[in-house]
């Protein structure tokens, strides 16, 4: 098992990341735990990416991942513009990645993500338990000379401890980029609570065939027995106490 306190690096992963207004804002907000506040628009975010080769990572190996969640108020990333987010679902194809993420408080489960670009159209599909859960289609162009860089902020909780992590990234977004459809295909699955409005109300996002990012070092280190060493975790800027 990977040391969950150690940082990990991923390079050149094709990645789709964007946000929308949910069809049921109340259901989305209900997934945010007490002590945190959903973004005023109750924005939902989705990230789907694929790592084709183990040489693209510092320790994960090849895998695919989809994560979803609800954007938060007063938890912006260091750029002061992109809202931080609470992970509600984290579906990874690799047991190694799931174990690493779960030790950091992510709601890790088993799932597979597939991305395909043909004729300027991207299809991104997430499957779990042999059934399709989410399918996104988008019109995509080519990368140019522009690169985006910064941090995304995601929050998790483990053993009552709120963990706030900033994930540095560098992306080469394509242009044009237009999401054409977002289908939630399994009404019985918990992710269905985050389905978008129809028509889609897009908030922000991008597709890039090459995104590099890092999982930062984590201050709390679970030992093999599952206990946490007594190292203070970084707390949210709102001053939430441990266990709130």
C-alpha atoms as a PDB file:
ATOM      1  CA  UNK A   1       0.000   0.000   0.000  1.00  0.00           C
ATOM      2  CA  UNK A   2       1.239   3.475  -0.810  1.00  0.00           C
ATOM      3  CA  UNK A   3       2.081   5.727   2.116  1.00  0.00           C
ATOM      4  CA  UNK A   4      -1.009   7.980   2.242  1.00  0.00           C
ATOM      5  CA  UNK A   5       1.044  10.831   3.665  1.00  0.00           C
ATOM      6  CA  UNK A   6       3.413  10.903   0.690  1.00  0.00           C
ATOM      7  CA  UNK A   7       2.771  13.237  -2.262  1.00  0.00           C
ATOM      8  CA  UNK A   8       2.084  11.734  -5.677  1.00  0.00           C
ATOM      9  CA  UNK A   9       2.568  13.150  -9.172  1.00  0.00           C
ATOM     10  CA  UNK A  10       0.557  12.501 -12.367  1.00  0.00           C
ATOM     11  CA  UNK A  11       1.631  13.866 -15.755  1.00  0.00           C
ATOM     12  CA  UNK A  12       0.020  14.253 -19.172  1.00  0.00           C
ATOM     13  CA  UNK A  13      -3.383  12.772 -18.348  1.00  0.00           C
ATOM     14  CA  UNK A  14      -6.299  13.623 -20.683  1.00  0.00           C
ATOM     15  CA  UNK A  15      -8.787  15.331 -18.383  1.00  0.00           C
ATOM     16  CA  UNK A  16     -12.308  16.735 -18.518  1.00  0.00           C
ATOM     17  CA  UNK A  17     -13.233  19.040 -15.635  1.00  0.00           C
ATOM     18  CA  UNK A  18     -16.300  21.270 -15.484  1.00  0.00           C
ATOM     19  CA  UNK A  19     -19.143  22.476 -13.287  1.00  0.00           C
ATOM     20  CA  UNK A  20     -22.913  22.933 -13.603  1.00  0.00           C
ATOM     21  CA  UNK A  21     -26.072  23.897 -11.754  1.00  0.00           C
ATOM     22  CA  UNK A  22     -27.864  20.783 -10.454  1.00  0.00           C
ATOM     23  CA  UNK A  23     -31.445  19.878 -11.286  1.00  0.00           C
ATOM     24  CA  UNK A  24     -32.147  19.380  -7.564  1.00  0.00           C
ATOM     25  CA  UNK A  25     -30.129  21.981  -5.619  1.00  0.00           C
ATOM     26  CA  UNK A  26     -31.532  20.741  -2.319  1.00  0.00           C
ATOM     27  CA  UNK A  27     -30.339  17.185  -2.939  1.00  0.00           C
ATOM     28  CA  UNK A  28     -26.875  18.437  -3.828  1.00  0.00           C
ATOM     29  CA  UNK A  29     -26.698  20.668  -0.758  1.00  0.00           C
ATOM     30  CA  UNK A  30     -27.771  17.760   1.461  1.00  0.00           C
ATOM     31  CA  UNK A  31     -24.529  15.986   0.556  1.00  0.00           C
ATOM     32  CA  UNK A  32     -22.447  18.746   2.154  1.00  0.00           C
ATOM     33  CA  UNK A  33     -21.657  17.886   5.799  1.00  0.00           C
ATOM     34  CA  UNK A  34     -22.531  20.069   8.758  1.00  0.00           C
ATOM     35  CA  UNK A  35     -20.003  22.797   9.332  1.00  0.00           C
ATOM     36  CA  UNK A  36     -19.498  23.508   5.619  1.00  0.00           C
ATOM     37  CA  UNK A  37     -21.700  25.597   3.318  1.00  0.00           C
ATOM     38  CA  UNK A  38     -22.571  24.858  -0.281  1.00  0.00           C
ATOM     39  CA  UNK A  39     -21.803  27.468  -2.909  1.00  0.00           C
ATOM     40  CA  UNK A  40     -24.737  29.908  -3.295  1.00  0.00           C
ATOM     41  CA  UNK A  41     -25.528  28.405  -6.727  1.00  0.00           C
ATOM     42  CA  UNK A  42     -25.136  24.852  -5.370  1.00  0.00           C
ATOM     43  CA  UNK A  43     -22.633  24.183  -8.163  1.00  0.00           C
ATOM     44  CA  UNK A  44     -21.678  20.578  -8.868  1.00  0.00           C
ATOM     45  CA  UNK A  45     -18.284  19.681 -10.353  1.00  0.00           C
ATOM     46  CA  UNK A  46     -17.212  16.620 -12.322  1.00  0.00           C
ATOM     47  CA  UNK A  47     -13.717  15.427 -13.268  1.00  0.00           C
ATOM     48  CA  UNK A  48     -13.043  12.456 -15.551  1.00  0.00           C
ATOM     49  CA  UNK A  49      -9.492  11.490 -16.470  1.00  0.00           C
ATOM     50  CA  UNK A  50      -7.399   8.547 -17.637  1.00  0.00           C
ATOM     51  CA  UNK A  51      -3.769   7.610 -16.957  1.00  0.00           C
ATOM     52  CA  UNK A  52      -2.832   5.162 -19.710  1.00  0.00           C
ATOM     53  CA  UNK A  53       0.690   4.265 -18.584  1.00  0.00           C
ATOM     54  CA  UNK A  54       2.267   3.745 -15.184  1.00  0.00           C
ATOM     55  CA  UNK A  55       5.253   5.866 -16.202  1.00  0.00           C
ATOM     56  CA  UNK A  56       2.914   8.892 -16.026  1.00  0.00           C
ATOM     57  CA  UNK A  57       2.702   8.584 -12.238  1.00  0.00           C
ATOM     58  CA  UNK A  58       5.123   8.543  -9.329  1.00  0.00           C
ATOM     59  CA  UNK A  59       3.488   5.519  -7.716  1.00  0.00           C
ATOM     60  CA  UNK A  60      -0.142   5.015  -8.755  1.00  0.00           C
ATOM     61  CA  UNK A  61       0.453   3.041 -11.949  1.00  0.00           C
ATOM     62  CA  UNK A  62      -2.076   3.181 -14.793  1.00  0.00           C
ATOM     63  CA  UNK A  63      -5.668   3.936 -13.737  1.00  0.00           C
ATOM     64  CA  UNK A  64      -8.772   5.961 -14.513  1.00  0.00           C
ATOM     65  CA  UNK A  65     -10.804   8.157 -12.190  1.00  0.00           C
ATOM     66  CA  UNK A  66     -14.053  10.064 -11.945  1.00  0.00           C
ATOM     67  CA  UNK A  67     -14.814  12.308  -9.008  1.00  0.00           C
ATOM     68  CA  UNK A  68     -17.820  14.497  -8.315  1.00  0.00           C
ATOM     69  CA  UNK A  69     -18.807  16.854  -5.583  1.00  0.00           C
ATOM     70  CA  UNK A  70     -20.432  20.062  -4.485  1.00  0.00           C
ATOM     71  CA  UNK A  71     -18.681  23.428  -4.624  1.00  0.00           C
ATOM     72  CA  UNK A  72     -18.356  25.261  -1.321  1.00  0.00           C
ATOM     73  CA  UNK A  73     -18.749  28.814  -0.109  1.00  0.00           C
ATOM     74  CA  UNK A  74     -15.787  30.574   1.518  1.00  0.00           C
ATOM     75  CA  UNK A  75     -13.363  27.833   0.480  1.00  0.00           C
ATOM     76  CA  UNK A  76     -11.920  29.243  -2.738  1.00  0.00           C
ATOM     77  CA  UNK A  77      -8.697  27.874  -4.182  1.00  0.00           C
ATOM     78  CA  UNK A  78      -5.581  30.059  -3.794  1.00  0.00           C
ATOM     79  CA  UNK A  79      -6.435  31.886  -7.041  1.00  0.00           C
ATOM     80  CA  UNK A  80      -9.446  33.329  -5.221  1.00  0.00           C
ATOM     81  CA  UNK A  81     -11.736  32.483  -8.131  1.00  0.00           C
ATOM     82  CA  UNK A  82     -12.348  28.733  -8.365  1.00  0.00           C
ATOM     83  CA  UNK A  83     -14.524  27.488  -5.498  1.00  0.00           C
ATOM     84  CA  UNK A  84     -13.211  24.685  -3.336  1.00  0.00           C
ATOM     85  CA  UNK A  85     -15.173  21.470  -3.392  1.00  0.00           C
ATOM     86  CA  UNK A  86     -16.440  18.665  -1.176  1.00  0.00           C
ATOM     87  CA  UNK A  87     -15.910  15.239  -2.764  1.00  0.00           C
ATOM     88  CA  UNK A  88     -19.132  13.206  -2.686  1.00  0.00           C
ATOM     89  CA  UNK A  89     -18.085  10.398  -5.059  1.00  0.00           C
ATOM     90  CA  UNK A  90     -14.621   9.154  -6.053  1.00  0.00           C
ATOM     91  CA  UNK A  91     -14.622   6.221  -8.484  1.00  0.00           C
ATOM     92  CA  UNK A  92     -11.184   4.806  -9.313  1.00  0.00           C
ATOM     93  CA  UNK A  93     -10.258   1.745 -11.368  1.00  0.00           C
ATOM     94  CA  UNK A  94      -7.161   0.966  -9.257  1.00  0.00           C
ATOM     95  CA  UNK A  95      -7.268  -0.611  -5.805  1.00  0.00           C
ATOM     96  CA  UNK A  96      -3.974   1.124  -5.020  1.00  0.00           C
ATOM     97  CA  UNK A  97      -5.462   4.527  -5.808  1.00  0.00           C
ATOM     98  CA  UNK A  98      -8.640   3.754  -3.861  1.00  0.00           C
ATOM     99  CA  UNK A  99      -6.659   2.749  -0.763  1.00  0.00           C
ATOM    100  CA  UNK A 100      -4.456   5.833  -0.968  1.00  0.00           C
ATOM    101  CA  UNK A 101      -7.420   8.173  -1.458  1.00  0.00           C
ATOM    102  CA  UNK A 102      -9.564   6.552   1.246  1.00  0.00           C
ATOM    103  CA  UNK A 103      -6.741   7.010   3.757  1.00  0.00           C
ATOM    104  CA  UNK A 104      -6.972  10.728   2.958  1.00  0.00           C
ATOM    105  CA  UNK A 105     -10.732  10.797   3.541  1.00  0.00           C
ATOM    106  CA  UNK A 106     -11.962  10.465  -0.045  1.00  0.00           C
ATOM    107  CA  UNK A 107     -15.209   8.470  -0.548  1.00  0.00           C
ATOM    108  CA  UNK A 108     -13.352   5.980  -2.742  1.00  0.00           C
ATOM    109  CA  UNK A 109     -15.221   3.340  -4.711  1.00  0.00           C
ATOM    110  CA  UNK A 110     -14.655   1.103  -7.712  1.00  0.00           C
ATOM    111  CA  UNK A 111     -15.341   2.514 -11.180  1.00  0.00           C
ATOM    112  CA  UNK A 112     -13.926   2.876 -14.666  1.00  0.00           C
ATOM    113  CA  UNK A 113     -13.609   5.975 -16.820  1.00  0.00           C
ATOM    114  CA  UNK A 114     -13.162   6.056 -20.597  1.00  0.00           C
ATOM    115  CA  UNK A 115     -12.341   9.113 -22.723  1.00  0.00           C
ATOM    116  CA  UNK A 116     -12.373   9.089 -26.508  1.00  0.00           C
ATOM    117  CA  UNK A 117     -11.967  11.894 -29.050  1.00  0.00           C
ATOM    118  CA  UNK A 118     -13.092  11.350 -32.624  1.00  0.00           C
ATOM    119  CA  UNK A 119     -13.661  13.983 -35.276  1.00  0.00           C
ATOM    120  CA  UNK A 120     -13.574  16.839 -32.789  1.00  0.00           C
ATOM    121  CA  UNK A 121     -16.073  15.207 -30.432  1.00  0.00           C
ATOM    122  CA  UNK A 122     -15.188  13.973 -26.961  1.00  0.00           C
ATOM    123  CA  UNK A 123     -17.103  11.174 -25.268  1.00  0.00           C
ATOM    124  CA  UNK A 124     -16.381  10.602 -21.576  1.00  0.00           C
ATOM    125  CA  UNK A 125     -18.109   7.724 -19.808  1.00  0.00           C
ATOM    126  CA  UNK A 126     -17.985   6.522 -16.206  1.00  0.00           C
ATOM    127  CA  UNK A 127     -19.049   2.980 -15.336  1.00  0.00           C
ATOM    128  CA  UNK A 128     -19.441   1.174 -12.021  1.00  0.00           C
ATOM    129  CA  UNK A 129     -20.579  -2.360 -11.318  1.00  0.00           C
ATOM    130  CA  UNK A 130     -20.697  -3.056 -15.035  1.00  0.00           C
ATOM    131  CA  UNK A 131     -23.242  -0.330 -15.777  1.00  0.00           C
ATOM    132  CA  UNK A 132     -22.842   3.162 -17.214  1.00  0.00           C
ATOM    133  CA  UNK A 133     -23.407   5.962 -14.697  1.00  0.00           C
ATOM    134  CA  UNK A 134     -22.413   9.171 -16.486  1.00  0.00           C
ATOM    135  CA  UNK A 135     -21.841  10.015 -20.148  1.00  0.00           C
ATOM    136  CA  UNK A 136     -20.616  13.413 -21.332  1.00  0.00           C
ATOM    137  CA  UNK A 137     -20.233  14.553 -24.929  1.00  0.00           C
ATOM    138  CA  UNK A 138     -18.412  17.733 -25.857  1.00  0.00           C
ATOM    139  CA  UNK A 139     -17.124  19.543 -28.908  1.00  0.00           C
ATOM    140  CA  UNK A 140     -13.377  19.985 -28.572  1.00  0.00           C
ATOM    141  CA  UNK A 141     -10.707  21.696 -30.614  1.00  0.00           C
ATOM    142  CA  UNK A 142      -6.936  21.707 -30.381  1.00  0.00           C
ATOM    143  CA  UNK A 143      -4.405  22.954 -27.884  1.00  0.00           C
ATOM    144  CA  UNK A 144      -2.562  26.143 -28.771  1.00  0.00           C
ATOM    145  CA  UNK A 145       0.165  28.046 -27.013  1.00  0.00           C
ATOM    146  CA  UNK A 146      -1.852  28.721 -23.859  1.00  0.00           C
ATOM    147  CA  UNK A 147      -1.412  26.828 -20.607  1.00  0.00           C
ATOM    148  CA  UNK A 148      -3.408  27.143 -17.412  1.00  0.00           C
ATOM    149  CA  UNK A 149      -1.807  26.587 -14.024  1.00  0.00           C
ATOM    150  CA  UNK A 150      -2.796  27.005 -10.404  1.00  0.00           C
ATOM    151  CA  UNK A 151      -4.406  24.976  -7.636  1.00  0.00           C
ATOM    152  CA  UNK A 152      -7.698  23.250  -7.028  1.00  0.00           C
ATOM    153  CA  UNK A 153      -8.881  22.897  -3.450  1.00  0.00           C
ATOM    154  CA  UNK A 154     -10.744  19.800  -2.272  1.00  0.00           C
ATOM    155  CA  UNK A 155     -11.990  18.928   1.207  1.00  0.00           C
ATOM    156  CA  UNK A 156     -12.401  15.542   2.841  1.00  0.00           C
ATOM    157  CA  UNK A 157     -12.918  14.264   6.371  1.00  0.00           C
ATOM    158  CA  UNK A 158     -11.295  11.300   8.114  1.00  0.00           C
ATOM    159  CA  UNK A 159     -11.947  10.237  11.697  1.00  0.00           C
ATOM    160  CA  UNK A 160     -13.663  13.562  12.362  1.00  0.00           C
ATOM    161  CA  UNK A 161     -10.736  15.586  11.027  1.00  0.00           C
ATOM    162  CA  UNK A 162     -11.458  18.074   8.255  1.00  0.00           C
ATOM    163  CA  UNK A 163      -8.678  17.928   5.662  1.00  0.00           C
ATOM    164  CA  UNK A 164      -8.159  20.819   3.236  1.00  0.00           C
ATOM    165  CA  UNK A 165      -5.776  20.081   0.365  1.00  0.00           C
ATOM    166  CA  UNK A 166      -4.582  22.255  -2.508  1.00  0.00           C
ATOM    167  CA  UNK A 167      -3.711  20.302  -5.660  1.00  0.00           C
ATOM    168  CA  UNK A 168      -1.284  22.086  -8.030  1.00  0.00           C
ATOM    169  CA  UNK A 169      -1.906  21.547 -11.737  1.00  0.00           C
ATOM    170  CA  UNK A 170      -0.770  22.590 -15.220  1.00  0.00           C
ATOM    171  CA  UNK A 171      -3.169  22.091 -18.136  1.00  0.00           C
ATOM    172  CA  UNK A 172      -3.161  22.756 -21.873  1.00  0.00           C
ATOM    173  CA  UNK A 173      -6.841  23.421 -22.614  1.00  0.00           C
ATOM    174  CA  UNK A 174      -8.345  22.995 -26.048  1.00  0.00           C
ATOM    175  CA  UNK A 175     -10.276  25.630 -27.940  1.00  0.00           C
ATOM    176  CA  UNK A 176     -13.082  25.544 -28.802  1.00  0.00           C
ATOM    177  CA  UNK A 177     -14.623  23.623 -25.919  1.00  0.00           C
ATOM    178  CA  UNK A 178     -18.374  23.162 -25.565  1.00  0.00           C
ATOM    179  CA  UNK A 179     -20.210  20.579 -23.497  1.00  0.00           C
ATOM    180  CA  UNK A 180     -23.114  19.281 -25.560  1.00  0.00           C
ATOM    181  CA  UNK A 181     -24.746  16.787 -23.196  1.00  0.00           C
ATOM    182  CA  UNK A 182     -24.426  15.350 -19.693  1.00  0.00           C
ATOM    183  CA  UNK A 183     -26.370  12.142 -19.091  1.00  0.00           C
ATOM    184  CA  UNK A 184     -26.866  10.517 -15.699  1.00  0.00           C
ATOM    185  CA  UNK A 185     -27.855   6.990 -16.698  1.00  0.00           C
ATOM    186  CA  UNK A 186     -28.611   5.228 -13.404  1.00  0.00           C
ATOM    187  CA  UNK A 187     -31.417   6.903 -11.412  1.00  0.00           C
ATOM    188  CA  UNK A 188     -30.979   4.346  -8.614  1.00  0.00           C
ATOM    189  CA  UNK A 189     -27.305   5.262  -8.057  1.00  0.00           C
ATOM    190  CA  UNK A 190     -26.362   7.937  -5.459  1.00  0.00           C
ATOM    191  CA  UNK A 191     -24.588  10.060  -8.097  1.00  0.00           C
ATOM    192  CA  UNK A 192     -28.002  10.760  -9.655  1.00  0.00           C
ATOM    193  CA  UNK A 193     -28.624  13.391  -6.968  1.00  0.00           C
ATOM    194  CA  UNK A 194     -26.015  15.569  -8.728  1.00  0.00           C
ATOM    195  CA  UNK A 195     -27.520  15.446 -12.226  1.00  0.00           C
ATOM    196  CA  UNK A 196     -27.607  18.792 -14.068  1.00  0.00           C
ATOM    197  CA  UNK A 197     -30.523  20.934 -15.133  1.00  0.00           C
ATOM    198  CA  UNK A 198     -32.015  20.409 -18.578  1.00  0.00           C
ATOM    199  CA  UNK A 199     -30.899  22.371 -20.491  1.00  0.00           C
ATOM    200  CA  UNK A 200     -27.429  22.322 -18.978  1.00  0.00           C
ATOM    201  CA  UNK A 201     -26.343  25.436 -17.062  1.00  0.00           C
ATOM    202  CA  UNK A 202     -22.572  25.369 -17.488  1.00  0.00           C
ATOM    203  CA  UNK A 203     -20.496  27.258 -14.894  1.00  0.00           C
ATOM    204  CA  UNK A 204     -16.796  26.743 -15.717  1.00  0.00           C
ATOM    205  CA  UNK A 205     -14.403  24.100 -16.960  1.00  0.00           C
ATOM    206  CA  UNK A 206     -12.109  22.761 -19.664  1.00  0.00           C
ATOM    207  CA  UNK A 207     -10.884  19.713 -21.534  1.00  0.00           C
ATOM    208  CA  UNK A 208      -7.174  19.107 -21.979  1.00  0.00           C
ATOM    209  CA  UNK A 209      -5.354  16.142 -23.533  1.00  0.00           C
ATOM    210  CA  UNK A 210      -2.442  16.872 -21.171  1.00  0.00           C
ATOM    211  CA  UNK A 211      -2.927  17.747 -17.519  1.00  0.00           C
ATOM    212  CA  UNK A 212      -0.239  17.311 -14.881  1.00  0.00           C
ATOM    213  CA  UNK A 213      -1.032  17.587 -11.181  1.00  0.00           C
ATOM    214  CA  UNK A 214       0.046  16.480  -7.737  1.00  0.00           C
ATOM    215  CA  UNK A 215      -1.543  15.079  -4.625  1.00  0.00           C
ATOM    216  CA  UNK A 216       0.213  17.102  -1.907  1.00  0.00           C
ATOM    217  CA  UNK A 217       1.787  15.619   1.191  1.00  0.00           C
ATOM    218  CA  UNK A 218      -0.777  15.008   3.917  1.00  0.00           C
ATOM    219  CA  UNK A 219      -0.148  16.018   7.521  1.00  0.00           C
ATOM    220  CA  UNK A 220      -2.119  13.168   9.135  1.00  0.00           C
ATOM    221  CA  UNK A 221      -0.496   9.762   8.732  1.00  0.00           C
ATOM    222  CA  UNK A 222      -2.597   6.639   9.387  1.00  0.00           C
ATOM    223  CA  UNK A 223      -0.530   3.695  10.597  1.00  0.00           C
ATOM    224  CA  UNK A 224      -1.246   0.088   9.664  1.00  0.00           C
ATOM    225  CA  UNK A 225      -3.694  -0.231  12.546  1.00  0.00           C
ATOM    226  CA  UNK A 226      -5.709   2.695  11.194  1.00  0.00           C
ATOM    227  CA  UNK A 227      -4.810   5.126  13.985  1.00  0.00           C
ATOM    228  CA  UNK A 228      -3.667   8.652  13.215  1.00  0.00           C
ATOM    229  CA  UNK A 229      -0.355   9.978  14.469  1.00  0.00           C
ATOM    230  CA  UNK A 230      -0.794  13.072  16.564  1.00  0.00           C
ATOM    231  CA  UNK A 231       0.145  15.686  13.976  1.00  0.00           C
ATOM    232  CA  UNK A 232      -2.227  18.679  13.699  1.00  0.00           C
ATOM    233  CA  UNK A 233      -4.073  18.705  10.377  1.00  0.00           C
ATOM    234  CA  UNK A 234      -4.527  21.839   8.369  1.00  0.00           C
ATOM    235  CA  UNK A 235      -7.945  23.272   9.028  1.00  0.00           C
ATOM    236  CA  UNK A 236     -10.280  25.166   6.786  1.00  0.00           C
ATOM    237  CA  UNK A 237      -9.953  28.944   6.621  1.00  0.00           C
ATOM    238  CA  UNK A 238     -13.364  29.287   8.217  1.00  0.00           C
ATOM    239  CA  UNK A 239     -11.833  28.130  11.497  1.00  0.00           C
ATOM    240  CA  UNK A 240     -13.824  24.916  11.756  1.00  0.00           C
ATOM    241  CA  UNK A 241     -12.742  22.898  14.789  1.00  0.00           C
ATOM    242  CA  UNK A 242     -11.733  19.278  14.520  1.00  0.00           C
ATOM    243  CA  UNK A 243     -14.782  17.036  14.250  1.00  0.00           C
ATOM    244  CA  UNK A 244     -17.187  19.841  13.344  1.00  0.00           C
END
